[in-house]
Amino acid sequence: MPGKTLSAALVIIPAFFFSMIGWCLGLDYVAVMLYAFAGILLGLICLRFLHWWLATEVYKIIGGVAGIAIGAVIGMLLGLPVSYIIEAPQASALVYELIIVMISLMGMQLGSAKLWEMKKKLTETAERNRGVMGILDTSVIIDGRIADVCGTGFAMGDLIIPQFILKELQMIADSSDSTKRTRGRRGLDILNKIQKQSYVNVVISDSDYPSVKEVDQKLISMAKETGYPIITNDFNLNKVAEVHSIQVLNINQLANALKPIVLPGENIRVQIMKEGKEHGQGVAYLDDGTMVVIDNGRRYMGRNVDVTVTSVLQTTAGRMIFATIKT
């Protein structure tokens, strides 16, 4: 909106010049005052138009100006033959001007409306293409790996964070238990990290479900209402969401899917850390945490050995590799 100084100037300057015009024409005091009053009215009209233009979207202004220009050209082209038909010169000129003015006004309205409509469609298309990745739950925020996934550029779109999730994070961060407090503060730090990512956009949702007490159930209700998937690493929430036919993006499943593939027959070198459940078994771990169960490996505990992969088992908890000591 224009400032007070500019607004006052837009009213005072026309009043001054109009009064000077009346004075130069040699009019009496009353006529000069009427001229000044006319200047004030002109200033108020200009101020009103300025307010209207500043409040109008720039796309509407550009479309309106373009519409007036195109409408004026079309009005001239249509007005010429009509003006030739009318024999009276004054009436012909008036009709010609009327056609230009009317078509210009129609062009202004059409240009403003259509350019705004086009801009809106382009915005909606961009938002649709960007899409919503899903709704974050508390566990996946505290886990932190979602921030690393977003930072790679493989995940793009909007991440929805409900207010009740933020409230739960804050309660954890304010907990008297030091472990919980550390987890809660880590979650808030992860959120700040995600907000700085250029590939994703964090959207804070005010949606709440006062009749539902548990946070997990609120997430289920929100996912049902919006149709967005839930992003989590909570095994129980994953199962409940599947029962409700809600799509779940589980970070643990993503991590397991990205682990290096080890095929039967391959040789790998591992350090046997402990004994297994079955007699004589030894257990080792790969760098990514994958468990390797080795037949007759117990006697090599604490040592680095070469083993041959015999089979790979995919479970809900992750991938397990079975191997034997390489001979």
C-alpha atoms as a PDB file:
ATOM      1  CA  MET A   1       0.000   0.000   0.000  1.00  0.00           C
ATOM      2  CA  PRO A   2       1.267   3.558  -0.717  1.00  0.00           C
ATOM      3  CA  GLY A   3       2.721   5.467   2.230  1.00  0.00           C
ATOM      4  CA  LYS A   4       1.037   8.392   3.952  1.00  0.00           C
ATOM      5  CA  THR A   5       3.381  10.940   2.336  1.00  0.00           C
ATOM      6  CA  LEU A   6       2.695   9.664  -1.182  1.00  0.00           C
ATOM      7  CA  SER A   7      -1.059   9.481  -0.516  1.00  0.00           C
ATOM      8  CA  ALA A   8      -1.091  13.098   0.709  1.00  0.00           C
ATOM      9  CA  ALA A   9       0.993  14.207  -2.293  1.00  0.00           C
ATOM     10  CA  LEU A  10      -1.410  12.496  -4.737  1.00  0.00           C
ATOM     11  CA  VAL A  11      -4.265  14.590  -3.306  1.00  0.00           C
ATOM     12  CA  ILE A  12      -2.484  17.925  -2.634  1.00  0.00           C
ATOM     13  CA  ILE A  13      -0.567  18.245  -5.936  1.00  0.00           C
ATOM     14  CA  PRO A  14      -3.633  18.011  -8.268  1.00  0.00           C
ATOM     15  CA  ALA A  15      -5.546  20.410  -5.978  1.00  0.00           C
ATOM     16  CA  PHE A  16      -2.677  22.929  -6.151  1.00  0.00           C
ATOM     17  CA  PHE A  17      -2.295  22.738  -9.933  1.00  0.00           C
ATOM     18  CA  PHE A  18      -6.044  22.942 -10.572  1.00  0.00           C
ATOM     19  CA  SER A  19      -6.324  25.997  -8.320  1.00  0.00           C
ATOM     20  CA  MET A  20      -3.381  27.590 -10.180  1.00  0.00           C
ATOM     21  CA  ILE A  21      -5.128  26.878 -13.494  1.00  0.00           C
ATOM     22  CA  GLY A  22      -8.249  28.631 -12.203  1.00  0.00           C
ATOM     23  CA  TRP A  23      -6.176  31.560 -10.961  1.00  0.00           C
ATOM     24  CA  CYS A  24      -4.349  31.854 -14.325  1.00  0.00           C
ATOM     25  CA  LEU A  25      -7.719  31.900 -16.103  1.00  0.00           C
ATOM     26  CA  GLY A  26      -8.661  34.947 -14.014  1.00  0.00           C
ATOM     27  CA  LEU A  27     -11.572  33.229 -12.267  1.00  0.00           C
ATOM     28  CA  ASP A  28     -13.024  34.488  -9.002  1.00  0.00           C
ATOM     29  CA  TYR A  29     -12.251  32.987  -5.600  1.00  0.00           C
ATOM     30  CA  VAL A  30     -15.217  30.583  -5.602  1.00  0.00           C
ATOM     31  CA  ALA A  31     -14.348  29.233  -9.054  1.00  0.00           C
ATOM     32  CA  VAL A  32     -10.706  28.741  -8.024  1.00  0.00           C
ATOM     33  CA  MET A  33     -11.903  26.761  -4.977  1.00  0.00           C
ATOM     34  CA  LEU A  34     -14.108  24.629  -7.213  1.00  0.00           C
ATOM     35  CA  TYR A  35     -11.102  23.925  -9.433  1.00  0.00           C
ATOM     36  CA  ALA A  36      -9.091  22.948  -6.351  1.00  0.00           C
ATOM     37  CA  PHE A  37     -11.922  20.663  -5.220  1.00  0.00           C
ATOM     38  CA  ALA A  38     -11.920  19.042  -8.695  1.00  0.00           C
ATOM     39  CA  GLY A  39      -8.169  18.471  -8.267  1.00  0.00           C
ATOM     40  CA  ILE A  40      -8.778  16.815  -4.886  1.00  0.00           C
ATOM     41  CA  LEU A  41     -11.369  14.487  -6.486  1.00  0.00           C
ATOM     42  CA  LEU A  42      -8.915  13.599  -9.264  1.00  0.00           C
ATOM     43  CA  GLY A  43      -6.217  12.866  -6.654  1.00  0.00           C
ATOM     44  CA  LEU A  44      -8.595  10.642  -4.657  1.00  0.00           C
ATOM     45  CA  ILE A  45      -9.550   8.754  -7.820  1.00  0.00           C
ATOM     46  CA  CYS A  46      -5.856   8.230  -8.672  1.00  0.00           C
ATOM     47  CA  LEU A  47      -5.179   7.096  -5.100  1.00  0.00           C
ATOM     48  CA  ARG A  48      -8.052   4.640  -5.271  1.00  0.00           C
ATOM     49  CA  PHE A  49      -6.746   3.206  -8.543  1.00  0.00           C
ATOM     50  CA  LEU A  50      -3.267   2.909  -7.025  1.00  0.00           C
ATOM     51  CA  HIS A  51      -4.660   0.992  -4.048  1.00  0.00           C
ATOM     52  CA  TRP A  52      -6.535  -1.323  -6.421  1.00  0.00           C
ATOM     53  CA  TRP A  53      -3.495  -1.940  -8.620  1.00  0.00           C
ATOM     54  CA  LEU A  54      -1.220  -2.678  -5.651  1.00  0.00           C
ATOM     55  CA  ALA A  55      -3.727  -5.190  -4.284  1.00  0.00           C
ATOM     56  CA  THR A  56      -4.086  -6.898  -7.674  1.00  0.00           C
ATOM     57  CA  GLU A  57      -1.936  -9.882  -8.646  1.00  0.00           C
ATOM     58  CA  VAL A  58       0.796  -8.985 -11.120  1.00  0.00           C
ATOM     59  CA  TYR A  59      -0.481 -11.624 -13.565  1.00  0.00           C
ATOM     60  CA  LYS A  60      -3.887  -9.943 -13.640  1.00  0.00           C
ATOM     61  CA  ILE A  61      -2.281  -6.551 -14.315  1.00  0.00           C
ATOM     62  CA  ILE A  62      -0.117  -7.908 -17.146  1.00  0.00           C
ATOM     63  CA  GLY A  63      -3.071  -9.784 -18.626  1.00  0.00           C
ATOM     64  CA  GLY A  64      -5.292  -6.688 -18.339  1.00  0.00           C
ATOM     65  CA  VAL A  65      -2.758  -4.400 -20.064  1.00  0.00           C
ATOM     66  CA  ALA A  66      -2.200  -6.946 -22.844  1.00  0.00           C
ATOM     67  CA  GLY A  67      -5.978  -7.364 -23.184  1.00  0.00           C
ATOM     68  CA  ILE A  68      -6.504  -3.584 -23.514  1.00  0.00           C
ATOM     69  CA  ALA A  69      -3.820  -3.342 -26.227  1.00  0.00           C
ATOM     70  CA  ILE A  70      -5.223  -6.268 -28.221  1.00  0.00           C
ATOM     71  CA  GLY A  71      -8.809  -5.046 -27.673  1.00  0.00           C
ATOM     72  CA  ALA A  72      -7.898  -1.550 -28.930  1.00  0.00           C
ATOM     73  CA  VAL A  73      -6.410  -2.958 -32.130  1.00  0.00           C
ATOM     74  CA  ILE A  74      -9.436  -5.203 -32.718  1.00  0.00           C
ATOM     75  CA  GLY A  75     -11.767  -2.265 -31.929  1.00  0.00           C
ATOM     76  CA  MET A  76     -10.039  -0.097 -34.537  1.00  0.00           C
ATOM     77  CA  LEU A  77     -10.325  -2.822 -37.158  1.00  0.00           C
ATOM     78  CA  LEU A  78     -14.029  -3.420 -36.407  1.00  0.00           C
ATOM     79  CA  GLY A  79     -14.875   0.261 -35.915  1.00  0.00           C
ATOM     80  CA  LEU A  80     -13.593   1.495 -39.294  1.00  0.00           C
ATOM     81  CA  PRO A  81     -16.196  -0.246 -41.507  1.00  0.00           C
ATOM     82  CA  VAL A  82     -18.985   0.676 -39.062  1.00  0.00           C
ATOM     83  CA  SER A  83     -17.942   4.331 -39.048  1.00  0.00           C
ATOM     84  CA  TYR A  84     -18.014   4.421 -42.850  1.00  0.00           C
ATOM     85  CA  ILE A  85     -21.610   3.217 -42.862  1.00  0.00           C
ATOM     86  CA  ILE A  86     -22.773   6.137 -40.701  1.00  0.00           C
ATOM     87  CA  GLU A  87     -22.900   9.315 -42.788  1.00  0.00           C
ATOM     88  CA  ALA A  88     -22.941  11.886 -39.947  1.00  0.00           C
ATOM     89  CA  PRO A  89     -19.267  12.597 -39.088  1.00  0.00           C
ATOM     90  CA  GLN A  90     -19.842  13.338 -35.385  1.00  0.00           C
ATOM     91  CA  ALA A  91     -22.012  10.217 -34.872  1.00  0.00           C
ATOM     92  CA  SER A  92     -19.505   8.149 -36.861  1.00  0.00           C
ATOM     93  CA  ALA A  93     -16.627   9.307 -34.642  1.00  0.00           C
ATOM     94  CA  LEU A  94     -18.601   8.582 -31.462  1.00  0.00           C
ATOM     95  CA  VAL A  95     -19.556   5.089 -32.638  1.00  0.00           C
ATOM     96  CA  TYR A  96     -15.937   4.419 -33.630  1.00  0.00           C
ATOM     97  CA  GLU A  97     -14.641   5.492 -30.227  1.00  0.00           C
ATOM     98  CA  LEU A  98     -17.407   3.586 -28.432  1.00  0.00           C
ATOM     99  CA  ILE A  99     -16.466   0.344 -30.224  1.00  0.00           C
ATOM    100  CA  ILE A 100     -12.773   0.807 -29.321  1.00  0.00           C
ATOM    101  CA  VAL A 101     -13.562   1.556 -25.659  1.00  0.00           C
ATOM    102  CA  MET A 102     -16.014  -1.347 -25.258  1.00  0.00           C
ATOM    103  CA  ILE A 103     -13.766  -3.945 -26.907  1.00  0.00           C
ATOM    104  CA  SER A 104     -10.731  -2.646 -24.982  1.00  0.00           C
ATOM    105  CA  LEU A 105     -12.631  -3.074 -21.700  1.00  0.00           C
ATOM    106  CA  MET A 106     -13.698  -6.584 -22.732  1.00  0.00           C
ATOM    107  CA  GLY A 107     -10.081  -7.353 -23.681  1.00  0.00           C
ATOM    108  CA  MET A 108      -8.871  -6.099 -20.289  1.00  0.00           C
ATOM    109  CA  GLN A 109     -11.275  -8.375 -18.442  1.00  0.00           C
ATOM    110  CA  LEU A 110     -10.582 -11.397 -20.654  1.00  0.00           C
ATOM    111  CA  GLY A 111      -6.797 -10.906 -20.586  1.00  0.00           C
ATOM    112  CA  SER A 112      -6.729 -10.493 -16.819  1.00  0.00           C
ATOM    113  CA  ALA A 113      -8.952 -13.511 -16.160  1.00  0.00           C
ATOM    114  CA  LYS A 114      -7.356 -15.858 -18.683  1.00  0.00           C
ATOM    115  CA  LEU A 115      -3.728 -15.090 -17.788  1.00  0.00           C
ATOM    116  CA  TRP A 116      -4.562 -15.589 -14.102  1.00  0.00           C
ATOM    117  CA  GLU A 117      -6.309 -18.853 -14.958  1.00  0.00           C
ATOM    118  CA  MET A 118      -3.286 -20.014 -16.970  1.00  0.00           C
ATOM    119  CA  LYS A 119      -0.924 -19.103 -14.118  1.00  0.00           C
ATOM    120  CA  LYS A 120      -3.132 -21.019 -11.672  1.00  0.00           C
ATOM    121  CA  LYS A 121      -3.144 -24.122 -13.887  1.00  0.00           C
ATOM    122  CA  LEU A 122       0.631 -23.979 -14.273  1.00  0.00           C
ATOM    123  CA  THR A 123       1.025 -23.704 -10.496  1.00  0.00           C
ATOM    124  CA  GLU A 124      -1.338 -26.629  -9.883  1.00  0.00           C
ATOM    125  CA  THR A 125       0.502 -28.714 -12.485  1.00  0.00           C
ATOM    126  CA  ALA A 126       3.858 -27.943 -10.852  1.00  0.00           C
ATOM    127  CA  GLU A 127       2.481 -28.864  -7.416  1.00  0.00           C
ATOM    128  CA  ARG A 128       0.958 -32.048  -8.795  1.00  0.00           C
ATOM    129  CA  ASN A 129       4.234 -33.021 -10.443  1.00  0.00           C
ATOM    130  CA  ARG A 130       6.111 -32.285  -7.253  1.00  0.00           C
ATOM    131  CA  GLY A 131       3.638 -34.322  -5.211  1.00  0.00           C
ATOM    132  CA  VAL A 132       3.486 -35.274  -1.570  1.00  0.00           C
ATOM    133  CA  MET A 133       5.980 -37.865  -0.348  1.00  0.00           C
ATOM    134  CA  GLY A 134       4.053 -38.693   2.793  1.00  0.00           C
ATOM    135  CA  ILE A 135       3.358 -37.972   6.454  1.00  0.00           C
ATOM    136  CA  LEU A 136       6.302 -38.267   8.840  1.00  0.00           C
ATOM    137  CA  ASP A 137       5.851 -40.001  12.171  1.00  0.00           C
ATOM    138  CA  THR A 138       7.887 -39.353  15.313  1.00  0.00           C
ATOM    139  CA  SER A 139      10.112 -42.444  15.087  1.00  0.00           C
ATOM    140  CA  VAL A 140      11.328 -41.737  11.567  1.00  0.00           C
ATOM    141  CA  ILE A 141      12.154 -38.126  12.457  1.00  0.00           C
ATOM    142  CA  ILE A 142      14.216 -39.167  15.502  1.00  0.00           C
ATOM    143  CA  ASP A 143      15.871 -41.931  13.446  1.00  0.00           C
ATOM    144  CA  GLY A 144      17.299 -39.232  11.173  1.00  0.00           C
ATOM    145  CA  ARG A 145      17.968 -41.267   8.029  1.00  0.00           C
ATOM    146  CA  ILE A 146      15.070 -39.548   6.254  1.00  0.00           C
ATOM    147  CA  ALA A 147      17.150 -36.343   6.193  1.00  0.00           C
ATOM    148  CA  ASP A 148      19.988 -38.180   4.434  1.00  0.00           C
ATOM    149  CA  VAL A 149      17.548 -39.666   1.902  1.00  0.00           C
ATOM    150  CA  CYS A 150      16.110 -36.206   1.165  1.00  0.00           C
ATOM    151  CA  GLY A 151      19.602 -34.750   0.816  1.00  0.00           C
ATOM    152  CA  THR A 152      20.511 -37.159  -1.993  1.00  0.00           C
ATOM    153  CA  GLY A 153      17.796 -35.836  -4.325  1.00  0.00           C
ATOM    154  CA  PHE A 154      16.223 -39.277  -4.805  1.00  0.00           C
ATOM    155  CA  ALA A 155      13.189 -38.097  -2.826  1.00  0.00           C
ATOM    156  CA  MET A 156      11.431 -34.908  -3.932  1.00  0.00           C
ATOM    157  CA  GLY A 157       8.144 -33.334  -2.928  1.00  0.00           C
ATOM    158  CA  ASP A 158       6.297 -32.261   0.193  1.00  0.00           C
ATOM    159  CA  LEU A 159       6.794 -33.861   3.587  1.00  0.00           C
ATOM    160  CA  ILE A 160       3.739 -33.436   5.797  1.00  0.00           C
ATOM    161  CA  ILE A 161       4.394 -33.001   9.519  1.00  0.00           C
ATOM    162  CA  PRO A 162       1.216 -32.764  11.637  1.00  0.00           C
ATOM    163  CA  GLN A 163       1.112 -30.457  14.636  1.00  0.00           C
ATOM    164  CA  PHE A 164       0.431 -33.411  16.944  1.00  0.00           C
ATOM    165  CA  ILE A 165       3.748 -34.976  15.847  1.00  0.00           C
ATOM    166  CA  LEU A 166       5.572 -31.711  16.607  1.00  0.00           C
ATOM    167  CA  LYS A 167       3.837 -31.596  19.984  1.00  0.00           C
ATOM    168  CA  GLU A 168       4.941 -35.155  20.769  1.00  0.00           C
ATOM    169  CA  LEU A 169       8.529 -34.327  19.753  1.00  0.00           C
ATOM    170  CA  GLN A 170       8.504 -31.297  22.018  1.00  0.00           C
ATOM    171  CA  MET A 171       7.163 -33.358  24.934  1.00  0.00           C
ATOM    172  CA  ILE A 172       9.955 -35.904  24.416  1.00  0.00           C
ATOM    173  CA  ALA A 173      12.542 -33.096  24.219  1.00  0.00           C
ATOM    174  CA  ASP A 174      11.215 -31.645  27.502  1.00  0.00           C
ATOM    175  CA  SER A 175      11.154 -35.025  29.258  1.00  0.00           C
ATOM    176  CA  SER A 176      12.840 -35.442  32.652  1.00  0.00           C
ATOM    177  CA  ASP A 177      14.427 -38.652  31.327  1.00  0.00           C
ATOM    178  CA  SER A 178      17.817 -37.736  29.835  1.00  0.00           C
ATOM    179  CA  THR A 179      17.622 -40.453  27.153  1.00  0.00           C
ATOM    180  CA  LYS A 180      14.205 -39.329  25.968  1.00  0.00           C
ATOM    181  CA  ARG A 181      15.275 -35.699  26.121  1.00  0.00           C
ATOM    182  CA  THR A 182      18.271 -36.427  23.901  1.00  0.00           C
ATOM    183  CA  ARG A 183      16.080 -38.297  21.399  1.00  0.00           C
ATOM    184  CA  GLY A 184      13.536 -35.479  21.288  1.00  0.00           C
ATOM    185  CA  ARG A 185      16.185 -32.816  20.716  1.00  0.00           C
ATOM    186  CA  ARG A 186      17.741 -34.952  18.003  1.00  0.00           C
ATOM    187  CA  GLY A 187      14.332 -35.152  16.301  1.00  0.00           C
ATOM    188  CA  LEU A 188      13.971 -31.351  16.348  1.00  0.00           C
ATOM    189  CA  ASP A 189      17.496 -30.985  14.926  1.00  0.00           C
ATOM    190  CA  ILE A 190      16.644 -33.450  12.154  1.00  0.00           C
ATOM    191  CA  LEU A 191      13.544 -31.409  11.285  1.00  0.00           C
ATOM    192  CA  ASN A 192      15.654 -28.267  10.978  1.00  0.00           C
ATOM    193  CA  LYS A 193      18.051 -30.182   8.742  1.00  0.00           C
ATOM    194  CA  ILE A 194      15.222 -31.386   6.493  1.00  0.00           C
ATOM    195  CA  GLN A 195      13.806 -27.863   6.182  1.00  0.00           C
ATOM    196  CA  LYS A 196      17.133 -26.707   4.717  1.00  0.00           C
ATOM    197  CA  GLN A 197      17.037 -29.368   1.982  1.00  0.00           C
ATOM    198  CA  SER A 198      16.374 -27.991  -1.499  1.00  0.00           C
ATOM    199  CA  TYR A 199      14.687 -31.127  -2.856  1.00  0.00           C
ATOM    200  CA  VAL A 200      11.850 -31.301  -0.351  1.00  0.00           C
ATOM    201  CA  ASN A 201       9.382 -28.893   1.187  1.00  0.00           C
ATOM    202  CA  VAL A 202       8.274 -29.327   4.796  1.00  0.00           C
ATOM    203  CA  VAL A 203       4.558 -28.595   5.283  1.00  0.00           C
ATOM    204  CA  ILE A 204       3.262 -28.197   8.838  1.00  0.00           C
ATOM    205  CA  SER A 205      -0.326 -29.439   8.938  1.00  0.00           C
ATOM    206  CA  ASP A 206      -2.832 -28.148  11.494  1.00  0.00           C
ATOM    207  CA  SER A 207      -5.002 -31.240  11.105  1.00  0.00           C
ATOM    208  CA  ASP A 208      -5.903 -32.784  14.442  1.00  0.00           C
ATOM    209  CA  TYR A 209      -8.321 -35.398  15.691  1.00  0.00           C
ATOM    210  CA  PRO A 210      -9.380 -34.456  19.241  1.00  0.00           C
ATOM    211  CA  SER A 211     -11.527 -37.570  19.628  1.00  0.00           C
ATOM    212  CA  VAL A 212      -8.459 -39.794  19.003  1.00  0.00           C
ATOM    213  CA  LYS A 213      -5.958 -39.965  21.870  1.00  0.00           C
ATOM    214  CA  GLU A 214      -3.057 -42.058  20.507  1.00  0.00           C
ATOM    215  CA  VAL A 215      -0.664 -40.402  18.062  1.00  0.00           C
ATOM    216  CA  ASP A 216      -0.410 -43.522  15.870  1.00  0.00           C
ATOM    217  CA  GLN A 217      -4.187 -43.615  15.499  1.00  0.00           C
ATOM    218  CA  LYS A 218      -4.185 -39.916  14.576  1.00  0.00           C
ATOM    219  CA  LEU A 219      -1.659 -40.706  11.839  1.00  0.00           C
ATOM    220  CA  ILE A 220      -3.886 -43.514  10.579  1.00  0.00           C
ATOM    221  CA  SER A 221      -6.905 -41.162  10.526  1.00  0.00           C
ATOM    222  CA  MET A 222      -4.956 -38.451   8.707  1.00  0.00           C
ATOM    223  CA  ALA A 223      -3.599 -40.893   6.116  1.00  0.00           C
ATOM    224  CA  LYS A 224      -7.124 -42.205   5.479  1.00  0.00           C
ATOM    225  CA  GLU A 225      -8.475 -38.671   5.100  1.00  0.00           C
ATOM    226  CA  THR A 226      -5.742 -37.340   2.803  1.00  0.00           C
ATOM    227  CA  GLY A 227      -4.700 -40.490   0.955  1.00  0.00           C
ATOM    228  CA  TYR A 228      -1.019 -39.747   1.676  1.00  0.00           C
ATOM    229  CA  PRO A 229       1.367 -42.574   2.690  1.00  0.00           C
ATOM    230  CA  ILE A 230       2.912 -42.754   6.166  1.00  0.00           C
ATOM    231  CA  ILE A 231       6.708 -42.598   6.358  1.00  0.00           C
ATOM    232  CA  THR A 232       7.909 -44.556   9.384  1.00  0.00           C
ATOM    233  CA  ASN A 233      10.314 -47.169  10.727  1.00  0.00           C
ATOM    234  CA  ASP A 234       7.895 -48.339  13.435  1.00  0.00           C
ATOM    235  CA  PHE A 235       7.143 -52.023  12.819  1.00  0.00           C
ATOM    236  CA  ASN A 236       3.827 -52.008  14.707  1.00  0.00           C
ATOM    237  CA  LEU A 237       2.560 -48.842  12.999  1.00  0.00           C
ATOM    238  CA  ASN A 238       3.539 -50.399   9.677  1.00  0.00           C
ATOM    239  CA  LYS A 239       1.406 -53.469  10.355  1.00  0.00           C
ATOM    240  CA  VAL A 240      -1.600 -51.479  11.603  1.00  0.00           C
ATOM    241  CA  ALA A 241      -1.444 -49.206   8.552  1.00  0.00           C
ATOM    242  CA  GLU A 242      -1.368 -52.235   6.241  1.00  0.00           C
ATOM    243  CA  VAL A 243      -4.511 -53.572   7.949  1.00  0.00           C
ATOM    244  CA  HIS A 244      -6.207 -50.268   7.079  1.00  0.00           C
ATOM    245  CA  SER A 245      -4.922 -50.518   3.460  1.00  0.00           C
ATOM    246  CA  ILE A 246      -2.719 -47.439   3.922  1.00  0.00           C
ATOM    247  CA  GLN A 247       0.504 -47.168   1.956  1.00  0.00           C
ATOM    248  CA  VAL A 248       3.585 -47.203   4.188  1.00  0.00           C
ATOM    249  CA  LEU A 249       7.104 -46.101   3.275  1.00  0.00           C
ATOM    250  CA  ASN A 250       9.347 -47.872   5.764  1.00  0.00           C
ATOM    251  CA  ILE A 251      12.876 -46.491   6.083  1.00  0.00           C
ATOM    252  CA  ASN A 252      14.137 -49.853   7.385  1.00  0.00           C
ATOM    253  CA  GLN A 253      12.836 -51.606   4.265  1.00  0.00           C
ATOM    254  CA  LEU A 254      14.516 -48.949   2.115  1.00  0.00           C
ATOM    255  CA  ALA A 255      17.801 -49.459   3.971  1.00  0.00           C
ATOM    256  CA  ASN A 256      17.561 -53.246   3.497  1.00  0.00           C
ATOM    257  CA  ALA A 257      16.819 -52.815  -0.191  1.00  0.00           C
ATOM    258  CA  LEU A 258      19.960 -50.704  -0.619  1.00  0.00           C
ATOM    259  CA  LYS A 259      22.308 -53.136   1.091  1.00  0.00           C
ATOM    260  CA  PRO A 260      24.932 -54.705  -1.214  1.00  0.00           C
ATOM    261  CA  ILE A 261      23.704 -57.918  -2.795  1.00  0.00           C
ATOM    262  CA  VAL A 262      25.622 -61.037  -1.817  1.00  0.00           C
ATOM    263  CA  LEU A 263      24.923 -64.095  -3.943  1.00  0.00           C
ATOM    264  CA  PRO A 264      25.354 -67.774  -3.045  1.00  0.00           C
ATOM    265  CA  GLY A 265      28.794 -69.013  -4.035  1.00  0.00           C
ATOM    266  CA  GLU A 266      30.550 -65.694  -3.338  1.00  0.00           C
ATOM    267  CA  ASN A 267      33.503 -65.549  -0.954  1.00  0.00           C
ATOM    268  CA  ILE A 268      33.627 -62.830   1.705  1.00  0.00           C
ATOM    269  CA  ARG A 269      35.979 -62.133   4.612  1.00  0.00           C
ATOM    270  CA  VAL A 270      34.389 -61.567   8.023  1.00  0.00           C
ATOM    271  CA  GLN A 271      35.295 -61.517  11.701  1.00  0.00           C
ATOM    272  CA  ILE A 272      33.376 -64.046  13.780  1.00  0.00           C
ATOM    273  CA  MET A 273      32.050 -62.149  16.797  1.00  0.00           C
ATOM    274  CA  LYS A 274      29.989 -64.671  18.764  1.00  0.00           C
ATOM    275  CA  GLU A 275      28.526 -68.142  18.718  1.00  0.00           C
ATOM    276  CA  GLY A 276      25.208 -68.866  17.021  1.00  0.00           C
ATOM    277  CA  LYS A 277      22.041 -70.517  18.283  1.00  0.00           C
ATOM    278  CA  GLU A 278      22.807 -73.892  16.735  1.00  0.00           C
ATOM    279  CA  HIS A 279      25.678 -76.109  17.833  1.00  0.00           C
ATOM    280  CA  GLY A 280      29.022 -75.056  16.339  1.00  0.00           C
ATOM    281  CA  GLN A 281      27.676 -71.953  14.593  1.00  0.00           C
ATOM    282  CA  GLY A 282      29.505 -68.642  14.581  1.00  0.00           C
ATOM    283  CA  VAL A 283      28.017 -65.225  13.892  1.00  0.00           C
ATOM    284  CA  ALA A 284      29.657 -62.313  12.067  1.00  0.00           C
ATOM    285  CA  TYR A 285      28.394 -58.998  10.734  1.00  0.00           C
ATOM    286  CA  LEU A 286      29.007 -57.096   7.524  1.00  0.00           C
ATOM    287  CA  ASP A 287      29.798 -53.384   7.577  1.00  0.00           C
ATOM    288  CA  ASP A 288      26.116 -52.551   6.992  1.00  0.00           C
ATOM    289  CA  GLY A 289      25.024 -54.703   9.956  1.00  0.00           C
ATOM    290  CA  THR A 290      23.870 -57.736   7.984  1.00  0.00           C
ATOM    291  CA  MET A 291      24.150 -60.905  10.075  1.00  0.00           C
ATOM    292  CA  VAL A 292      26.261 -63.744   8.700  1.00  0.00           C
ATOM    293  CA  VAL A 293      25.637 -67.182  10.252  1.00  0.00           C
ATOM    294  CA  ILE A 294      28.595 -69.533   9.668  1.00  0.00           C
ATOM    295  CA  ASP A 295      28.420 -73.303  10.051  1.00  0.00           C
ATOM    296  CA  ASN A 296      31.228 -74.690  12.199  1.00  0.00           C
ATOM    297  CA  GLY A 297      32.442 -71.155  12.795  1.00  0.00           C
ATOM    298  CA  ARG A 298      32.411 -71.209  16.580  1.00  0.00           C
ATOM    299  CA  ARG A 299      36.004 -72.433  16.819  1.00  0.00           C
ATOM    300  CA  TYR A 300      37.178 -69.396  14.829  1.00  0.00           C
ATOM    301  CA  MET A 301      35.595 -66.879  17.208  1.00  0.00           C
ATOM    302  CA  GLY A 302      37.487 -63.566  17.312  1.00  0.00           C
ATOM    303  CA  ARG A 303      39.343 -64.314  14.085  1.00  0.00           C
ATOM    304  CA  ASN A 304      39.000 -63.033  10.512  1.00  0.00           C
ATOM    305  CA  VAL A 305      38.148 -65.856   8.147  1.00  0.00           C
ATOM    306  CA  ASP A 306      37.131 -66.338   4.515  1.00  0.00           C
ATOM    307  CA  VAL A 307      33.661 -67.838   4.145  1.00  0.00           C
ATOM    308  CA  THR A 308      31.579 -69.020   1.196  1.00  0.00           C
ATOM    309  CA  VAL A 309      27.957 -67.855   1.008  1.00  0.00           C
ATOM    310  CA  THR A 310      25.510 -70.761   0.794  1.00  0.00           C
ATOM    311  CA  SER A 311      22.177 -68.924   0.951  1.00  0.00           C
ATOM    312  CA  VAL A 312      20.590 -65.537   1.605  1.00  0.00           C
ATOM    313  CA  LEU A 313      17.374 -65.185   3.608  1.00  0.00           C
ATOM    314  CA  GLN A 314      15.246 -62.012   3.497  1.00  0.00           C
ATOM    315  CA  THR A 315      13.194 -61.505   6.681  1.00  0.00           C
ATOM    316  CA  THR A 316      11.041 -58.675   8.008  1.00  0.00           C
ATOM    317  CA  ALA A 317      13.913 -57.732  10.307  1.00  0.00           C
ATOM    318  CA  GLY A 318      16.389 -57.609   7.435  1.00  0.00           C
ATOM    319  CA  ARG A 319      18.678 -59.858   5.423  1.00  0.00           C
ATOM    320  CA  MET A 320      20.520 -62.889   6.843  1.00  0.00           C
ATOM    321  CA  ILE A 321      23.404 -64.615   5.142  1.00  0.00           C
ATOM    322  CA  PHE A 322      24.342 -68.271   5.726  1.00  0.00           C
ATOM    323  CA  ALA A 323      27.860 -69.365   4.953  1.00  0.00           C
ATOM    324  CA  THR A 324      30.472 -72.028   5.535  1.00  0.00           C
ATOM    325  CA  ILE A 325      34.195 -71.791   6.190  1.00  0.00           C
ATOM    326  CA  LYS A 326      36.052 -71.643   2.891  1.00  0.00           C
ATOM    327  CA  THR A 327      38.142 -74.727   2.340  1.00  0.00           C
END
